Amino acid sequence: MTGAPARGAVLFDFGGVLTTSVVAAFEELGRELGAEPRLLLRLLSKDAPSSALLVAHEEGRIGEREFEDGFAERLRVHGVAVESGEGGPRLLSRLQARLRPDTDMVALVAKVRADGYRVGMLSNSLGDDCYAGFDLPALFDAVTVSGEIGVRKPSRRAYAIACERLGSRPEETVMVDDLEQNITAAARLGIAGVVHRDAAATAAGLARLLEPSA
């Protein structure tokens, strides 16, 4: 009896996987702005103009400042007073200041790579300096960022490009992401998935999926 194909490569998301929670960071920023904590995320997912700004930014069609100015205006429409000085609203830099490296996850990436598996990053970019402080070429065999390729998760094309750069077929690859919808999208191409919650659980999930076929 033939087992499932062995998985020999792993794609890791960045924000919320190699860092502390992006959701928590958005909620903290909402509180600082005097808004209901979930408002920012709700607008980005449910408010059409806000969602369009996010997609355009993550796909590299608009820069950080244009996104921030547009999103600040959407927040004002919803009753949140967002000040904009000479440097703009600085929403993304304030968000990123709330994110910290998850050292356990960084160590896990290194361990998976040391164990002989290829490791790559597939990330939807958010901000001009969102990867500051991380030596991505030293961590990964291949890095794929939405703003550079012009397509974002959950597009199938984003996963396909990431696998191509990593030198692995989708059926040989595992995706680690903190958003379940991104894991669901990856599965449509045959990529196995681990929904990240903490380093220990993710390590256990990878250990199961990376075991050789029976």
Protein backbone atom coordinates (compact mmCIF):
# COMPACT_ATOMS: atom_id res chain seq x y z
CA MET A 1 0.00 0.00 0.00
CA THR A 2 1.40 3.33 -1.04
CA GLY A 3 1.55 6.03 1.64
CA ALA A 4 1.19 9.76 1.21
CA PRO A 5 4.15 11.49 -0.45
CA ALA A 6 6.95 12.47 1.89
CA ARG A 7 7.12 16.20 2.55
CA GLY A 8 10.61 17.59 2.17
CA ALA A 9 10.08 21.36 2.29
CA VAL A 10 8.37 23.91 4.54
CA LEU A 11 7.07 27.40 3.78
CA PHE A 12 6.74 29.67 6.79
CA ASP A 13 4.61 32.80 7.01
CA PHE A 14 6.26 35.80 8.67
CA GLY A 15 3.91 38.03 10.71
CA GLY A 16 2.26 36.07 13.51
CA VAL A 17 4.55 33.07 12.91
CA LEU A 18 8.09 34.38 13.22
CA THR A 19 6.77 37.28 15.27
CA THR A 20 4.30 37.75 18.09
CA SER A 21 0.62 38.00 17.17
CA VAL A 22 -0.31 40.47 14.45
CA VAL A 23 -3.92 40.33 15.65
CA ALA A 24 -2.86 41.39 19.15
CA ALA A 25 -0.73 44.18 17.69
CA PHE A 26 -3.68 45.53 15.69
CA GLU A 27 -5.87 45.39 18.81
CA GLU A 28 -3.27 47.27 20.87
CA LEU A 29 -3.01 49.93 18.16
CA GLY A 30 -6.79 50.23 18.10
CA ARG A 31 -6.82 50.88 21.85
CA GLU A 32 -4.09 53.49 21.48
CA LEU A 33 -6.18 55.26 18.85
CA GLY A 34 -9.20 55.23 21.17
CA ALA A 35 -11.10 52.77 18.99
CA GLU A 36 -12.81 49.49 19.73
CA PRO A 37 -9.88 47.03 19.67
CA ARG A 38 -11.19 44.90 16.79
CA LEU A 39 -12.17 47.85 14.58
CA LEU A 40 -8.97 48.03 12.54
CA LEU A 41 -9.03 44.36 11.58
CA ARG A 42 -12.76 44.49 10.96
CA LEU A 43 -12.35 47.38 8.53
CA LEU A 44 -9.50 45.68 6.69
CA SER A 45 -11.58 42.54 6.20
CA LYS A 46 -15.14 43.91 5.85
CA ASP A 47 -14.92 47.55 4.70
CA ALA A 48 -14.51 47.51 0.91
CA PRO A 49 -12.33 50.66 0.59
CA SER A 50 -10.07 49.55 3.44
CA SER A 51 -9.77 46.03 2.02
CA ALA A 52 -8.91 47.42 -1.40
CA LEU A 53 -6.14 49.54 0.12
CA LEU A 54 -4.71 46.51 1.93
CA VAL A 55 -4.73 44.33 -1.19
CA ALA A 56 -3.13 47.08 -3.28
CA HIS A 57 -0.40 47.57 -0.69
CA GLU A 58 0.29 43.87 -0.18
CA GLU A 59 0.52 43.40 -3.94
CA GLY A 60 3.01 46.26 -4.24
CA ARG A 61 0.74 48.59 -6.22
CA ILE A 62 0.78 51.32 -3.57
CA GLY A 63 3.40 52.17 -0.96
CA GLU A 64 3.20 52.41 2.80
CA ARG A 65 2.36 56.12 2.87
CA GLU A 66 -0.50 55.86 0.37
CA PHE A 67 -1.96 52.92 2.28
CA GLU A 68 -1.66 54.73 5.62
CA ASP A 69 -3.22 57.96 4.35
CA GLY A 70 -6.14 56.05 2.84
CA PHE A 71 -6.69 53.84 5.87
CA ALA A 72 -6.45 56.80 8.25
CA GLU A 73 -9.25 58.44 6.30
CA ARG A 74 -11.39 55.29 6.58
CA LEU A 75 -10.78 55.29 10.34
CA ARG A 76 -11.86 58.93 10.53
CA VAL A 77 -15.06 58.04 8.66
CA HIS A 78 -15.71 55.52 11.44
CA GLY A 79 -15.16 58.06 14.19
CA VAL A 80 -11.48 57.47 15.01
CA ALA A 81 -9.36 60.61 15.18
CA VAL A 82 -6.05 59.79 13.48
CA GLU A 83 -3.45 62.52 13.56
CA SER A 84 -1.19 62.91 10.54
CA GLY A 85 2.03 64.82 10.97
CA GLU A 86 4.80 65.50 8.47
CA GLY A 87 5.63 61.79 8.33
CA GLY A 88 2.01 60.77 7.84
CA PRO A 89 -0.19 58.73 10.20
CA ARG A 90 2.64 56.22 10.83
CA LEU A 91 0.09 53.48 11.44
CA LEU A 92 2.28 50.65 10.18
CA SER A 93 5.42 51.68 12.05
CA ARG A 94 3.32 51.91 15.21
CA LEU A 95 1.94 48.46 14.47
CA GLN A 96 5.38 46.98 13.83
CA ALA A 97 6.69 48.45 17.09
CA ARG A 98 4.28 46.07 18.83
CA LEU A 99 5.65 42.98 17.10
CA ARG A 100 8.58 41.07 18.56
CA PRO A 101 10.55 38.15 17.12
CA ASP A 102 9.33 34.76 18.31
CA THR A 103 12.72 33.30 19.18
CA ASP A 104 11.29 29.79 19.58
CA MET A 105 9.96 29.89 16.03
CA VAL A 106 13.19 31.31 14.63
CA ALA A 107 14.98 28.41 16.33
CA LEU A 108 12.45 25.96 14.86
CA VAL A 109 13.12 27.23 11.33
CA ALA A 110 16.84 26.68 11.90
CA LYS A 111 16.23 23.18 13.27
CA VAL A 112 14.02 22.13 10.35
CA ARG A 113 16.69 23.36 7.96
CA ALA A 114 19.48 21.62 9.92
CA ASP A 115 17.47 18.40 9.76
CA GLY A 116 17.85 18.48 5.99
CA TYR A 117 14.54 20.01 4.86
CA ARG A 118 14.36 23.01 2.55
CA VAL A 119 12.77 26.04 4.22
CA GLY A 120 11.23 29.09 2.60
CA MET A 121 9.21 32.13 3.58
CA LEU A 122 5.96 33.21 1.94
CA SER A 123 4.67 36.48 3.36
CA ASN A 124 2.13 39.15 2.54
CA SER A 125 4.14 42.33 3.01
CA LEU A 126 2.76 45.07 5.25
CA GLY A 127 4.90 48.18 5.49
CA ASP A 128 8.18 49.20 3.92
CA ASP A 129 10.32 47.90 6.79
CA CYS A 130 8.28 44.98 8.11
CA TYR A 131 11.22 42.55 7.92
CA ALA A 132 13.73 44.81 9.67
CA GLY A 133 15.83 42.97 12.23
CA PHE A 134 15.55 39.59 10.48
CA ASP A 135 18.35 38.20 8.31
CA LEU A 136 16.00 36.45 5.91
CA PRO A 137 18.68 35.14 3.49
CA ALA A 138 20.45 33.50 6.43
CA LEU A 139 17.23 31.92 7.71
CA PHE A 140 15.71 30.63 4.48
CA ASP A 141 16.63 28.88 1.26
CA ALA A 142 14.12 31.06 -0.60
CA VAL A 143 12.10 34.16 0.28
CA THR A 144 8.84 35.14 -1.45
CA VAL A 145 7.18 38.46 -0.56
CA SER A 146 3.83 39.48 -2.02
CA GLY A 147 4.82 43.07 -2.74
CA GLU A 148 7.70 41.86 -4.89
CA ILE A 149 5.79 39.27 -6.93
CA GLY A 150 2.58 41.30 -7.31
CA VAL A 151 0.27 38.64 -5.86
CA ARG A 152 -0.71 37.80 -2.30
CA LYS A 153 -1.98 34.89 -0.26
CA PRO A 154 -4.51 33.31 -0.59
CA SER A 155 -3.92 33.44 -4.36
CA ARG A 156 -2.82 30.09 -5.76
CA ARG A 157 -0.18 31.90 -7.78
CA ALA A 158 1.56 33.09 -4.60
CA TYR A 159 1.94 29.53 -3.33
CA ALA A 160 3.04 28.27 -6.73
CA ILE A 161 5.77 30.91 -7.00
CA ALA A 162 6.98 30.17 -3.46
CA CYS A 163 7.23 26.44 -4.21
CA GLU A 164 9.01 27.11 -7.50
CA ARG A 165 11.57 29.32 -5.76
CA LEU A 166 12.07 26.71 -3.07
CA GLY A 167 12.53 23.97 -5.65
CA SER A 168 9.71 21.80 -4.33
CA ARG A 169 6.42 20.59 -5.74
CA PRO A 170 3.26 21.54 -3.81
CA GLU A 171 2.65 17.90 -2.85
CA GLU A 172 6.12 17.85 -1.28
CA THR A 173 5.58 21.03 0.74
CA VAL A 174 4.10 22.09 4.08
CA MET A 175 2.81 25.61 4.82
CA VAL A 176 2.92 27.10 8.32
CA ASP A 177 0.59 30.09 8.74
CA ASP A 178 -1.33 31.66 11.60
CA LEU A 179 -4.41 32.24 9.40
CA GLU A 180 -6.52 29.17 8.72
CA GLN A 181 -7.81 30.58 5.43
CA ASN A 182 -4.27 30.66 4.09
CA ILE A 183 -3.77 27.01 5.00
CA THR A 184 -7.07 26.14 3.31
CA ALA A 185 -5.98 27.95 0.16
CA ALA A 186 -2.61 26.18 0.14
CA ALA A 187 -4.36 22.81 0.41
CA ARG A 188 -6.07 23.45 -2.94
CA LEU A 189 -2.66 23.04 -4.56
CA GLY A 190 -1.81 19.95 -2.55
CA ILE A 191 0.29 21.75 0.07
CA ALA A 192 -0.13 20.31 3.56
CA GLY A 193 -0.63 22.80 6.37
CA VAL A 194 -0.05 23.61 10.01
CA VAL A 195 -2.12 26.39 11.57
CA HIS A 196 0.38 28.08 13.87
CA ARG A 197 -0.57 28.85 17.46
CA ASP A 198 2.69 28.29 19.34
CA ALA A 199 6.13 26.89 18.59
CA ALA A 200 5.63 23.58 20.42
CA ALA A 201 2.41 22.70 18.63
CA THR A 202 3.83 23.76 15.27
CA ALA A 203 6.94 21.63 15.82
CA ALA A 204 4.73 18.63 16.61
CA GLY A 205 2.60 19.23 13.52
CA LEU A 206 5.67 19.46 11.30
CA ALA A 207 7.15 16.32 12.81
CA ARG A 208 4.05 14.38 11.74
CA LEU A 209 3.94 15.80 8.23
CA LEU A 210 7.66 15.55 7.52
CA GLU A 211 7.93 11.89 8.49
CA PRO A 212 8.82 9.66 5.52
CA SER A 213 6.03 7.72 3.86
CA ALA A 214 5.13 4.37 5.38
